[in-house]
Amino acid sequence: IQQGDEMYRTQGGNNNAYAQDNEITWLDWEDGDGSIVNLVAALNTFRK
């Protein structure tokens, strides 16, 4: 998984953000979706 996908991260539809050293690529920790974080952890635990 890539950073932030477990937190419902968006880049505003930018699919090539190589030149965006700013809020487009910076992970927004305050606005993350904790329920999806919990799902990823639970899925990984179940898998193992």
ModelCIF file with pLDDT and N, C-alpha, C, O atoms, coordinates in Angstrom:
data_MODEL
#
_entry.id   MODEL 
#
_entity.id                         1 
_entity.type                       polymer 
_entity.pdbx_number_of_molecules   1 
#
_entity_poly.entity_id                      1 
_entity_poly.type                           'polypeptide(L)' 
_entity_poly.nstd_linkage                   no 
_entity_poly.nstd_monomer                   no 
_entity_poly.pdbx_seq_one_letter_code       IQQGDEMYRTQGGNNNAYAQDNEITWLDWEDGDGSIVNLVAALNTFRK 
_entity_poly.pdbx_seq_one_letter_code_can   IQQGDEMYRTQGGNNNAYAQDNEITWLDWEDGDGSIVNLVAALNTFRK 
_entity_poly.pdbx_strand_id                 A 
#
loop_
_entity_poly_seq.entity_id 
_entity_poly_seq.num 
_entity_poly_seq.mon_id 
_entity_poly_seq.hetero 
1 1  ILE n 
1 2  GLN n 
1 3  GLN n 
1 4  GLY n 
1 5  ASP n 
1 6  GLU n 
1 7  MET n 
1 8  TYR n 
1 9  ARG n 
1 10 THR n 
1 11 GLN n 
1 12 GLY n 
1 13 GLY n 
1 14 ASN n 
1 15 ASN n 
1 16 ASN n 
1 17 ALA n 
1 18 TYR n 
1 19 ALA n 
1 20 GLN n 
1 21 ASP n 
1 22 ASN n 
1 23 GLU n 
1 24 ILE n 
1 25 THR n 
1 26 TRP n 
1 27 LEU n 
1 28 ASP n 
1 29 TRP n 
1 30 GLU n 
1 31 ASP n 
1 32 GLY n 
1 33 ASP n 
1 34 GLY n 
1 35 SER n 
1 36 ILE n 
1 37 VAL n 
1 38 ASN n 
1 39 LEU n 
1 40 VAL n 
1 41 ALA n 
1 42 ALA n 
1 43 LEU n 
1 44 ASN n 
1 45 THR n 
1 46 PHE n 
1 47 ARG n 
1 48 LYS n 
#
_struct_asym.id          A 
_struct_asym.entity_id   1 
#
loop_
_ma_qa_metric.id 
_ma_qa_metric.mode 
_ma_qa_metric.name 
_ma_qa_metric.software_group_id 
_ma_qa_metric.type 
1 global pLDDT . pLDDT 
2 local  pLDDT . pLDDT 
#
_ma_qa_metric_global.metric_id      1 
_ma_qa_metric_global.metric_value   97.65 
_ma_qa_metric_global.model_id       1 
_ma_qa_metric_global.ordinal_id     1 
#
loop_
_ma_qa_metric_local.label_asym_id 
_ma_qa_metric_local.label_comp_id 
_ma_qa_metric_local.label_seq_id 
_ma_qa_metric_local.metric_id 
_ma_qa_metric_local.metric_value 
_ma_qa_metric_local.model_id 
_ma_qa_metric_local.ordinal_id 
A ILE 1  2 98.00 1 1  
A GLN 2  2 98.00 1 2  
A GLN 3  2 98.00 1 3  
A GLY 4  2 98.00 1 4  
A ASP 5  2 98.00 1 5  
A GLU 6  2 98.00 1 6  
A MET 7  2 98.00 1 7  
A TYR 8  2 98.00 1 8  
A ARG 9  2 98.00 1 9  
A THR 10 2 98.00 1 10 
A GLN 11 2 98.00 1 11 
A GLY 12 2 98.00 1 12 
A GLY 13 2 98.00 1 13 
A ASN 14 2 98.00 1 14 
A ASN 15 2 98.00 1 15 
A ASN 16 2 98.00 1 16 
A ALA 17 2 98.00 1 17 
A TYR 18 2 97.00 1 18 
A ALA 19 2 97.00 1 19 
A GLN 20 2 98.00 1 20 
A ASP 21 2 97.00 1 21 
A ASN 22 2 97.00 1 22 
A GLU 23 2 97.00 1 23 
A ILE 24 2 98.00 1 24 
A THR 25 2 98.00 1 25 
A TRP 26 2 98.00 1 26 
A LEU 27 2 98.00 1 27 
A ASP 28 2 97.00 1 28 
A TRP 29 2 97.00 1 29 
A GLU 30 2 95.00 1 30 
A ASP 31 2 95.00 1 31 
A GLY 32 2 96.00 1 32 
A ASP 33 2 97.00 1 33 
A GLY 34 2 97.00 1 34 
A SER 35 2 98.00 1 35 
A ILE 36 2 98.00 1 36 
A VAL 37 2 98.00 1 37 
A ASN 38 2 98.00 1 38 
A LEU 39 2 98.00 1 39 
A VAL 40 2 98.00 1 40 
A ALA 41 2 98.00 1 41 
A ALA 42 2 98.00 1 42 
A LEU 43 2 98.00 1 43 
A ASN 44 2 98.00 1 44 
A THR 45 2 98.00 1 45 
A PHE 46 2 98.00 1 46 
A ARG 47 2 98.00 1 47 
A LYS 48 2 98.00 1 48 
#
loop_
_atom_site.group_PDB 
_atom_site.id 
_atom_site.type_symbol 
_atom_site.label_atom_id 
_atom_site.label_alt_id 
_atom_site.label_comp_id 
_atom_site.label_asym_id 
_atom_site.label_entity_id 
_atom_site.label_seq_id 
_atom_site.pdbx_PDB_ins_code 
_atom_site.Cartn_x 
_atom_site.Cartn_y 
_atom_site.Cartn_z 
_atom_site.occupancy 
_atom_site.B_iso_or_equiv 
_atom_site.pdbx_formal_charge 
_atom_site.auth_seq_id 
_atom_site.auth_comp_id 
_atom_site.auth_asym_id 
_atom_site.auth_atom_id 
_atom_site.pdbx_PDB_model_num 
ATOM 1   N N  . ILE A 1 1  ? 0.857   -1.181  0.000   1.00 98.00 ? 1  ILE A N  1 
ATOM 2   C CA . ILE A 1 1  ? 0.000   0.000   0.000   1.00 98.00 ? 1  ILE A CA 1 
ATOM 3   C C  . ILE A 1 1  ? 0.897   1.235   0.000   1.00 98.00 ? 1  ILE A C  1 
ATOM 4   O O  . ILE A 1 1  ? 2.024   1.201   0.494   1.00 98.00 ? 1  ILE A O  1 
ATOM 5   N N  . GLN A 1 2  ? 0.379   2.324   -0.561  1.00 98.00 ? 2  GLN A N  1 
ATOM 6   C CA . GLN A 1 2  ? 1.147   3.558   -0.547  1.00 98.00 ? 2  GLN A CA 1 
ATOM 7   C C  . GLN A 1 2  ? 0.649   4.457   0.579   1.00 98.00 ? 2  GLN A C  1 
ATOM 8   O O  . GLN A 1 2  ? -0.468  4.312   1.077   1.00 98.00 ? 2  GLN A O  1 
ATOM 9   N N  . GLN A 1 3  ? 1.519   5.391   0.962   1.00 98.00 ? 3  GLN A N  1 
ATOM 10  C CA . GLN A 1 3  ? 1.232   6.237   2.110   1.00 98.00 ? 3  GLN A CA 1 
ATOM 11  C C  . GLN A 1 3  ? -0.133  6.909   1.991   1.00 98.00 ? 3  GLN A C  1 
ATOM 12  O O  . GLN A 1 3  ? -0.482  7.481   0.959   1.00 98.00 ? 3  GLN A O  1 
ATOM 13  N N  . GLY A 1 4  ? -0.879  6.821   3.064   1.00 98.00 ? 4  GLY A N  1 
ATOM 14  C CA . GLY A 1 4  ? -2.133  7.549   3.158   1.00 98.00 ? 4  GLY A CA 1 
ATOM 15  C C  . GLY A 1 4  ? -3.338  6.855   2.578   1.00 98.00 ? 4  GLY A C  1 
ATOM 16  O O  . GLY A 1 4  ? -4.467  7.266   2.846   1.00 98.00 ? 4  GLY A O  1 
ATOM 17  N N  . ASP A 1 5  ? -3.134  5.799   1.780   1.00 98.00 ? 5  ASP A N  1 
ATOM 18  C CA . ASP A 1 5  ? -4.316  5.108   1.263   1.00 98.00 ? 5  ASP A CA 1 
ATOM 19  C C  . ASP A 1 5  ? -5.109  4.468   2.390   1.00 98.00 ? 5  ASP A C  1 
ATOM 20  O O  . ASP A 1 5  ? -6.312  4.243   2.257   1.00 98.00 ? 5  ASP A O  1 
ATOM 21  N N  . GLU A 1 6  ? -4.440  4.172   3.503   1.00 98.00 ? 6  GLU A N  1 
ATOM 22  C CA . GLU A 1 6  ? -5.151  3.636   4.669   1.00 98.00 ? 6  GLU A CA 1 
ATOM 23  C C  . GLU A 1 6  ? -5.882  4.729   5.432   1.00 98.00 ? 6  GLU A C  1 
ATOM 24  O O  . GLU A 1 6  ? -6.579  4.447   6.407   1.00 98.00 ? 6  GLU A O  1 
ATOM 25  N N  . MET A 1 7  ? -5.725  5.996   4.987   1.00 98.00 ? 7  MET A N  1 
ATOM 26  C CA . MET A 1 7  ? -6.366  7.115   5.673   1.00 98.00 ? 7  MET A CA 1 
ATOM 27  C C  . MET A 1 7  ? -7.304  7.891   4.757   1.00 98.00 ? 7  MET A C  1 
ATOM 28  O O  . MET A 1 7  ? -7.811  8.949   5.130   1.00 98.00 ? 7  MET A O  1 
ATOM 29  N N  . TYR A 1 8  ? -7.537  7.355   3.542   1.00 98.00 ? 8  TYR A N  1 
ATOM 30  C CA . TYR A 1 8  ? -8.461  8.000   2.601   1.00 98.00 ? 8  TYR A CA 1 
ATOM 31  C C  . TYR A 1 8  ? -7.875  9.324   2.091   1.00 98.00 ? 8  TYR A C  1 
ATOM 32  O O  . TYR A 1 8  ? -8.551  10.352  2.082   1.00 98.00 ? 8  TYR A O  1 
ATOM 33  N N  . ARG A 1 9  ? -6.606  9.276   1.668   1.00 98.00 ? 9  ARG A N  1 
ATOM 34  C CA . ARG A 1 9  ? -5.898  10.469  1.209   1.00 98.00 ? 9  ARG A CA 1 
ATOM 35  C C  . ARG A 1 9  ? -6.263  10.812  -0.232  1.00 98.00 ? 9  ARG A C  1 
ATOM 36  O O  . ARG A 1 9  ? -6.449  9.923   -1.064  1.00 98.00 ? 9  ARG A O  1 
ATOM 37  N N  . THR A 1 10 ? -6.364  12.103  -0.517  1.00 98.00 ? 10 THR A N  1 
ATOM 38  C CA . THR A 1 10 ? -6.609  12.558  -1.883  1.00 98.00 ? 10 THR A CA 1 
ATOM 39  C C  . THR A 1 10 ? -5.473  13.450  -2.364  1.00 98.00 ? 10 THR A C  1 
ATOM 40  O O  . THR A 1 10 ? -4.825  14.126  -1.565  1.00 98.00 ? 10 THR A O  1 
ATOM 41  N N  . GLN A 1 11 ? -5.237  13.450  -3.664  1.00 98.00 ? 11 GLN A N  1 
ATOM 42  C CA . GLN A 1 11 ? -4.348  14.408  -4.322  1.00 98.00 ? 11 GLN A CA 1 
ATOM 43  C C  . GLN A 1 11 ? -5.137  15.283  -5.290  1.00 98.00 ? 11 GLN A C  1 
ATOM 44  O O  . GLN A 1 11 ? -4.575  15.865  -6.217  1.00 98.00 ? 11 GLN A O  1 
ATOM 45  N N  . GLY A 1 12 ? -6.441  15.367  -5.066  1.00 98.00 ? 12 GLY A N  1 
ATOM 46  C CA . GLY A 1 12 ? -7.267  16.208  -5.918  1.00 98.00 ? 12 GLY A CA 1 
ATOM 47  C C  . GLY A 1 12 ? -7.320  15.760  -7.360  1.00 98.00 ? 12 GLY A C  1 
ATOM 48  O O  . GLY A 1 12 ? -7.513  16.577  -8.260  1.00 98.00 ? 12 GLY A O  1 
ATOM 49  N N  . GLY A 1 13 ? -7.151  14.467  -7.588  1.00 98.00 ? 13 GLY A N  1 
ATOM 50  C CA . GLY A 1 13 ? -7.205  13.946  -8.949  1.00 98.00 ? 13 GLY A CA 1 
ATOM 51  C C  . GLY A 1 13 ? -5.895  14.039  -9.703  1.00 98.00 ? 13 GLY A C  1 
ATOM 52  O O  . GLY A 1 13 ? -5.846  13.715  -10.889 1.00 98.00 ? 13 GLY A O  1 
ATOM 53  N N  . ASN A 1 14 ? -4.831  14.475  -9.043  1.00 98.00 ? 14 ASN A N  1 
ATOM 54  C CA . ASN A 1 14 ? -3.516  14.541  -9.699  1.00 98.00 ? 14 ASN A CA 1 
ATOM 55  C C  . ASN A 1 14 ? -2.901  13.151  -9.674  1.00 98.00 ? 14 ASN A C  1 
ATOM 56  O O  . ASN A 1 14 ? -2.655  12.599  -8.601  1.00 98.00 ? 14 ASN A O  1 
ATOM 57  N N  . ASN A 1 15 ? -2.651  12.582  -10.849 1.00 98.00 ? 15 ASN A N  1 
ATOM 58  C CA . ASN A 1 15 ? -2.092  11.229  -10.894 1.00 98.00 ? 15 ASN A CA 1 
ATOM 59  C C  . ASN A 1 15 ? -0.615  11.224  -11.274 1.00 98.00 ? 15 ASN A C  1 
ATOM 60  O O  . ASN A 1 15 ? -0.067  10.189  -11.653 1.00 98.00 ? 15 ASN A O  1 
ATOM 61  N N  . ASN A 1 16 ? 0.026   12.390  -11.169 1.00 98.00 ? 16 ASN A N  1 
ATOM 62  C CA . ASN A 1 16 ? 1.462   12.478  -11.476 1.00 98.00 ? 16 ASN A CA 1 
ATOM 63  C C  . ASN A 1 16 ? 2.057   13.630  -10.669 1.00 98.00 ? 16 ASN A C  1 
ATOM 64  O O  . ASN A 1 16 ? 2.618   14.567  -11.237 1.00 98.00 ? 16 ASN A O  1 
ATOM 65  N N  . ALA A 1 17 ? 1.933   13.557  -9.351  1.00 98.00 ? 17 ALA A N  1 
ATOM 66  C CA . ALA A 1 17 ? 2.239   14.699  -8.484  1.00 98.00 ? 17 ALA A CA 1 
ATOM 67  C C  . ALA A 1 17 ? 3.725   14.790  -8.138  1.00 98.00 ? 17 ALA A C  1 
ATOM 68  O O  . ALA A 1 17 ? 4.084   15.150  -7.016  1.00 98.00 ? 17 ALA A O  1 
ATOM 69  N N  . TYR A 1 18 ? 4.583   14.465  -9.096  1.00 97.00 ? 18 TYR A N  1 
ATOM 70  C CA . TYR A 1 18 ? 6.027   14.437  -8.852  1.00 97.00 ? 18 TYR A CA 1 
ATOM 71  C C  . TYR A 1 18 ? 6.590   15.812  -8.512  1.00 97.00 ? 18 TYR A C  1 
ATOM 72  O O  . TYR A 1 18 ? 7.636   15.912  -7.871  1.00 97.00 ? 18 TYR A O  1 
ATOM 73  N N  . ALA A 1 19 ? 5.907   16.868  -8.935  1.00 97.00 ? 19 ALA A N  1 
ATOM 74  C CA . ALA A 1 19 ? 6.432   18.224  -8.750  1.00 97.00 ? 19 ALA A CA 1 
ATOM 75  C C  . ALA A 1 19 ? 5.666   18.996  -7.679  1.00 97.00 ? 19 ALA A C  1 
ATOM 76  O O  . ALA A 1 19 ? 5.737   20.224  -7.628  1.00 97.00 ? 19 ALA A O  1 
ATOM 77  N N  . GLN A 1 20 ? 4.943   18.288  -6.833  1.00 98.00 ? 20 GLN A N  1 
ATOM 78  C CA . GLN A 1 20 ? 4.094   18.948  -5.843  1.00 98.00 ? 20 GLN A CA 1 
ATOM 79  C C  . GLN A 1 20 ? 4.610   18.683  -4.432  1.00 98.00 ? 20 GLN A C  1 
ATOM 80  O O  . GLN A 1 20 ? 4.064   17.858  -3.700  1.00 98.00 ? 20 GLN A O  1 
ATOM 81  N N  . ASP A 1 21 ? 5.671   19.399  -4.067  1.00 97.00 ? 21 ASP A N  1 
ATOM 82  C CA . ASP A 1 21 ? 6.189   19.294  -2.709  1.00 97.00 ? 21 ASP A CA 1 
ATOM 83  C C  . ASP A 1 21 ? 5.408   20.281  -1.846  1.00 97.00 ? 21 ASP A C  1 
ATOM 84  O O  . ASP A 1 21 ? 5.940   21.293  -1.388  1.00 97.00 ? 21 ASP A O  1 
ATOM 85  N N  . ASN A 1 22 ? 4.138   19.960  -1.639  1.00 97.00 ? 22 ASN A N  1 
ATOM 86  C CA . ASN A 1 22 ? 3.206   20.866  -0.956  1.00 97.00 ? 22 ASN A CA 1 
ATOM 87  C C  . ASN A 1 22 ? 2.029   20.044  -0.448  1.00 97.00 ? 22 ASN A C  1 
ATOM 88  O O  . ASN A 1 22 ? 2.114   18.819  -0.370  1.00 97.00 ? 22 ASN A O  1 
ATOM 89  N N  . GLU A 1 23 ? 0.944   20.704  -0.108  1.00 97.00 ? 23 GLU A N  1 
ATOM 90  C CA . GLU A 1 23 ? -0.191  20.006  0.497   1.00 97.00 ? 23 GLU A CA 1 
ATOM 91  C C  . GLU A 1 23 ? -0.821  18.958  -0.428  1.00 97.00 ? 23 GLU A C  1 
ATOM 92  O O  . GLU A 1 23 ? -1.572  18.102  0.039   1.00 97.00 ? 23 GLU A O  1 
ATOM 93  N N  . ILE A 1 24 ? -0.527  19.013  -1.717  1.00 98.00 ? 24 ILE A N  1 
ATOM 94  C CA . ILE A 1 24 ? -1.074  17.987  -2.613  1.00 98.00 ? 24 ILE A CA 1 
ATOM 95  C C  . ILE A 1 24 ? -0.520  16.615  -2.253  1.00 98.00 ? 24 ILE A C  1 
ATOM 96  O O  . ILE A 1 24 ? -1.253  15.626  -2.260  1.00 98.00 ? 24 ILE A O  1 
ATOM 97  N N  . THR A 1 25 ? 0.788   16.550  -1.933  1.00 98.00 ? 25 THR A N  1 
ATOM 98  C CA . THR A 1 25 ? 1.406   15.261  -1.613  1.00 98.00 ? 25 THR A CA 1 
ATOM 99  C C  . THR A 1 25 ? 1.677   15.080  -0.125  1.00 98.00 ? 25 THR A C  1 
ATOM 100 O O  . THR A 1 25 ? 1.986   13.970  0.309   1.00 98.00 ? 25 THR A O  1 
ATOM 101 N N  . TRP A 1 26 ? 1.570   16.143  0.667   1.00 98.00 ? 26 TRP A N  1 
ATOM 102 C CA . TRP A 1 26 ? 1.803   15.999  2.101   1.00 98.00 ? 26 TRP A CA 1 
ATOM 103 C C  . TRP A 1 26 ? 0.595   15.340  2.759   1.00 98.00 ? 26 TRP A C  1 
ATOM 104 O O  . TRP A 1 26 ? -0.540  15.784  2.586   1.00 98.00 ? 26 TRP A O  1 
ATOM 105 N N  . LEU A 1 27 ? 0.849   14.304  3.496   1.00 98.00 ? 27 LEU A N  1 
ATOM 106 C CA . LEU A 1 27 ? -0.219  13.541  4.134   1.00 98.00 ? 27 LEU A CA 1 
ATOM 107 C C  . LEU A 1 27 ? -0.898  14.379  5.218   1.00 98.00 ? 27 LEU A C  1 
ATOM 108 O O  . LEU A 1 27 ? -0.242  14.913  6.112   1.00 98.00 ? 27 LEU A O  1 
ATOM 109 N N  . ASP A 1 28 ? -2.222  14.482  5.120   1.00 97.00 ? 28 ASP A N  1 
ATOM 110 C CA . ASP A 1 28 ? -3.015  15.254  6.077   1.00 97.00 ? 28 ASP A CA 1 
ATOM 111 C C  . ASP A 1 28 ? -3.432  14.330  7.217   1.00 97.00 ? 28 ASP A C  1 
ATOM 112 O O  . ASP A 1 28 ? -4.456  13.652  7.139   1.00 97.00 ? 28 ASP A O  1 
ATOM 113 N N  . TRP A 1 29 ? -2.627  14.312  8.275   1.00 97.00 ? 29 TRP A N  1 
ATOM 114 C CA . TRP A 1 29 ? -2.878  13.405  9.395   1.00 97.00 ? 29 TRP A CA 1 
ATOM 115 C C  . TRP A 1 29 ? -4.117  13.791  10.190  1.00 97.00 ? 29 TRP A C  1 
ATOM 116 O O  . TRP A 1 29 ? -4.773  12.925  10.769  1.00 97.00 ? 29 TRP A O  1 
ATOM 117 N N  . GLU A 1 30 ? -4.444  15.068  10.224  1.00 95.00 ? 30 GLU A N  1 
ATOM 118 C CA . GLU A 1 30 ? -5.575  15.513  11.040  1.00 95.00 ? 30 GLU A CA 1 
ATOM 119 C C  . GLU A 1 30 ? -6.916  15.113  10.427  1.00 95.00 ? 30 GLU A C  1 
ATOM 120 O O  . GLU A 1 30 ? -7.912  14.979  11.138  1.00 95.00 ? 30 GLU A O  1 
ATOM 121 N N  . ASP A 1 31 ? -6.941  14.923  9.104   1.00 95.00 ? 31 ASP A N  1 
ATOM 122 C CA . ASP A 1 31 ? -8.210  14.673  8.418   1.00 95.00 ? 31 ASP A CA 1 
ATOM 123 C C  . ASP A 1 31 ? -8.329  13.232  7.930   1.00 95.00 ? 31 ASP A C  1 
ATOM 124 O O  . ASP A 1 31 ? -9.204  12.924  7.121   1.00 95.00 ? 31 ASP A O  1 
ATOM 125 N N  . GLY A 1 32 ? -7.461  12.350  8.413   1.00 96.00 ? 32 GLY A N  1 
ATOM 126 C CA . GLY A 1 32 ? -7.513  10.964  7.963   1.00 96.00 ? 32 GLY A CA 1 
ATOM 127 C C  . GLY A 1 32 ? -8.733  10.234  8.501   1.00 96.00 ? 32 GLY A C  1 
ATOM 128 O O  . GLY A 1 32 ? -9.291  10.608  9.533   1.00 96.00 ? 32 GLY A O  1 
ATOM 129 N N  . ASP A 1 33 ? -9.139  9.192   7.795   1.00 97.00 ? 33 ASP A N  1 
ATOM 130 C CA . ASP A 1 33 ? -10.298 8.389   8.194   1.00 97.00 ? 33 ASP A CA 1 
ATOM 131 C C  . ASP A 1 33 ? -9.814  7.203   9.025   1.00 97.00 ? 33 ASP A C  1 
ATOM 132 O O  . ASP A 1 33 ? -9.286  6.233   8.483   1.00 97.00 ? 33 ASP A O  1 
ATOM 133 N N  . GLY A 1 34 ? -9.996  7.285   10.327  1.00 97.00 ? 34 GLY A N  1 
ATOM 134 C CA . GLY A 1 34 ? -9.515  6.247   11.224  1.00 97.00 ? 34 GLY A CA 1 
ATOM 135 C C  . GLY A 1 34 ? -10.173 4.903   11.006  1.00 97.00 ? 34 GLY A C  1 
ATOM 136 O O  . GLY A 1 34 ? -9.580  3.867   11.307  1.00 97.00 ? 34 GLY A O  1 
ATOM 137 N N  . SER A 1 35 ? -11.409 4.903   10.479  1.00 98.00 ? 35 SER A N  1 
ATOM 138 C CA . SER A 1 35 ? -12.085 3.612   10.278  1.00 98.00 ? 35 SER A CA 1 
ATOM 139 C C  . SER A 1 35 ? -11.387 2.793   9.201   1.00 98.00 ? 35 SER A C  1 
ATOM 140 O O  . SER A 1 35 ? -11.377 1.564   9.266   1.00 98.00 ? 35 SER A O  1 
ATOM 141 N N  . ILE A 1 36 ? -10.801 3.469   8.206   1.00 98.00 ? 36 ILE A N  1 
ATOM 142 C CA . ILE A 1 36 ? -10.098 2.737   7.149   1.00 98.00 ? 36 ILE A CA 1 
ATOM 143 C C  . ILE A 1 36 ? -8.739  2.267   7.663   1.00 98.00 ? 36 ILE A C  1 
ATOM 144 O O  . ILE A 1 36 ? -8.279  1.185   7.298   1.00 98.00 ? 36 ILE A O  1 
ATOM 145 N N  . VAL A 1 37 ? -8.092  3.080   8.514   1.00 98.00 ? 37 VAL A N  1 
ATOM 146 C CA . VAL A 1 37 ? -6.872  2.619   9.180   1.00 98.00 ? 37 VAL A CA 1 
ATOM 147 C C  . VAL A 1 37 ? -7.161  1.324   9.933   1.00 98.00 ? 37 VAL A C  1 
ATOM 148 O O  . VAL A 1 37 ? -6.396  0.363   9.847   1.00 98.00 ? 37 VAL A O  1 
ATOM 149 N N  . ASN A 1 38 ? -8.256  1.306   10.662  1.00 98.00 ? 38 ASN A N  1 
ATOM 150 C CA . ASN A 1 38 ? -8.618  0.109   11.433  1.00 98.00 ? 38 ASN A CA 1 
ATOM 151 C C  . ASN A 1 38 ? -8.895  -1.078  10.513  1.00 98.00 ? 38 ASN A C  1 
ATOM 152 O O  . ASN A 1 38 ? -8.544  -2.214  10.833  1.00 98.00 ? 38 ASN A O  1 
ATOM 153 N N  . LEU A 1 39 ? -9.527  -0.810  9.369   1.00 98.00 ? 39 LEU A N  1 
ATOM 154 C CA . LEU A 1 39 ? -9.806  -1.897  8.430   1.00 98.00 ? 39 LEU A CA 1 
ATOM 155 C C  . LEU A 1 39 ? -8.513  -2.510  7.912   1.00 98.00 ? 39 LEU A C  1 
ATOM 156 O O  . LEU A 1 39 ? -8.385  -3.734  7.867   1.00 98.00 ? 39 LEU A O  1 
ATOM 157 N N  . VAL A 1 40 ? -7.547  -1.674  7.518   1.00 98.00 ? 40 VAL A N  1 
ATOM 158 C CA . VAL A 1 40 ? -6.279  -2.195  6.998   1.00 98.00 ? 40 VAL A CA 1 
ATOM 159 C C  . VAL A 1 40 ? -5.590  -3.049  8.055   1.00 98.00 ? 40 VAL A C  1 
ATOM 160 O O  . VAL A 1 40 ? -5.102  -4.138  7.753   1.00 98.00 ? 40 VAL A O  1 
ATOM 161 N N  . ALA A 1 41 ? -5.548  -2.563  9.288   1.00 98.00 ? 41 ALA A N  1 
ATOM 162 C CA . ALA A 1 41 ? -4.930  -3.339  10.363  1.00 98.00 ? 41 ALA A CA 1 
ATOM 163 C C  . ALA A 1 41 ? -5.652  -4.670  10.560  1.00 98.00 ? 41 ALA A C  1 
ATOM 164 O O  . ALA A 1 41 ? -5.012  -5.707  10.736  1.00 98.00 ? 41 ALA A O  1 
ATOM 165 N N  . ALA A 1 42 ? -6.993  -4.639  10.530  1.00 98.00 ? 42 ALA A N  1 
ATOM 166 C CA . ALA A 1 42 ? -7.771  -5.865  10.733  1.00 98.00 ? 42 ALA A CA 1 
ATOM 167 C C  . ALA A 1 42 ? -7.579  -6.841  9.577   1.00 98.00 ? 42 ALA A C  1 
ATOM 168 O O  . ALA A 1 42 ? -7.468  -8.048  9.793   1.00 98.00 ? 42 ALA A O  1 
ATOM 169 N N  . LEU A 1 43 ? -7.540  -6.323  8.350   1.00 98.00 ? 43 LEU A N  1 
ATOM 170 C CA . LEU A 1 43 ? -7.321  -7.183  7.188   1.00 98.00 ? 43 LEU A CA 1 
ATOM 171 C C  . LEU A 1 43 ? -5.957  -7.856  7.261   1.00 98.00 ? 43 LEU A C  1 
ATOM 172 O O  . LEU A 1 43 ? -5.825  -9.044  6.968   1.00 98.00 ? 43 LEU A O  1 
ATOM 173 N N  . ASN A 1 44 ? -4.951  -7.094  7.651   1.00 98.00 ? 44 ASN A N  1 
ATOM 174 C CA . ASN A 1 44 ? -3.602  -7.656  7.738   1.00 98.00 ? 44 ASN A CA 1 
ATOM 175 C C  . ASN A 1 44 ? -3.520  -8.706  8.839   1.00 98.00 ? 44 ASN A C  1 
ATOM 176 O O  . ASN A 1 44 ? -2.876  -9.741  8.671   1.00 98.00 ? 44 ASN A O  1 
ATOM 177 N N  . THR A 1 45 ? -4.168  -8.437  9.953   1.00 98.00 ? 45 THR A N  1 
ATOM 178 C CA . THR A 1 45 ? -4.203  -9.416  11.044  1.00 98.00 ? 45 THR A CA 1 
ATOM 179 C C  . THR A 1 45 ? -4.906  -10.690 10.596  1.00 98.00 ? 45 THR A C  1 
ATOM 180 O O  . THR A 1 45 ? -4.434  -11.795 10.864  1.00 98.00 ? 45 THR A O  1 
ATOM 181 N N  . PHE A 1 46 ? -6.037  -10.533 9.911   1.00 98.00 ? 46 PHE A N  1 
ATOM 182 C CA . PHE A 1 46 ? -6.786  -11.698 9.419   1.00 98.00 ? 46 PHE A CA 1 
ATOM 183 C C  . PHE A 1 46 ? -5.936  -12.499 8.437   1.00 98.00 ? 46 PHE A C  1 
ATOM 184 O O  . PHE A 1 46 ? -5.885  -13.727 8.502   1.00 98.00 ? 46 PHE A O  1 
ATOM 185 N N  . ARG A 1 47 ? -5.277  -11.797 7.536   1.00 98.00 ? 47 ARG A N  1 
ATOM 186 C CA . ARG A 1 47 ? -4.440  -12.470 6.531   1.00 98.00 ? 47 ARG A CA 1 
ATOM 187 C C  . ARG A 1 47 ? -3.360  -13.318 7.197   1.00 98.00 ? 47 ARG A C  1 
ATOM 188 O O  . ARG A 1 47 ? -3.162  -14.479 6.839   1.00 98.00 ? 47 ARG A O  1 
ATOM 189 N N  . LYS A 1 48 ? -2.667  -12.731 8.167   1.00 98.00 ? 48 LYS A N  1 
ATOM 190 C CA . LYS A 1 48 ? -1.575  -13.456 8.825   1.00 98.00 ? 48 LYS A CA 1 
ATOM 191 C C  . LYS A 1 48 ? -2.092  -14.623 9.661   1.00 98.00 ? 48 LYS A C  1 
ATOM 192 O O  . LYS A 1 48 ? -1.302  -15.335 10.280  1.00 98.00 ? 48 LYS A O  1 
#
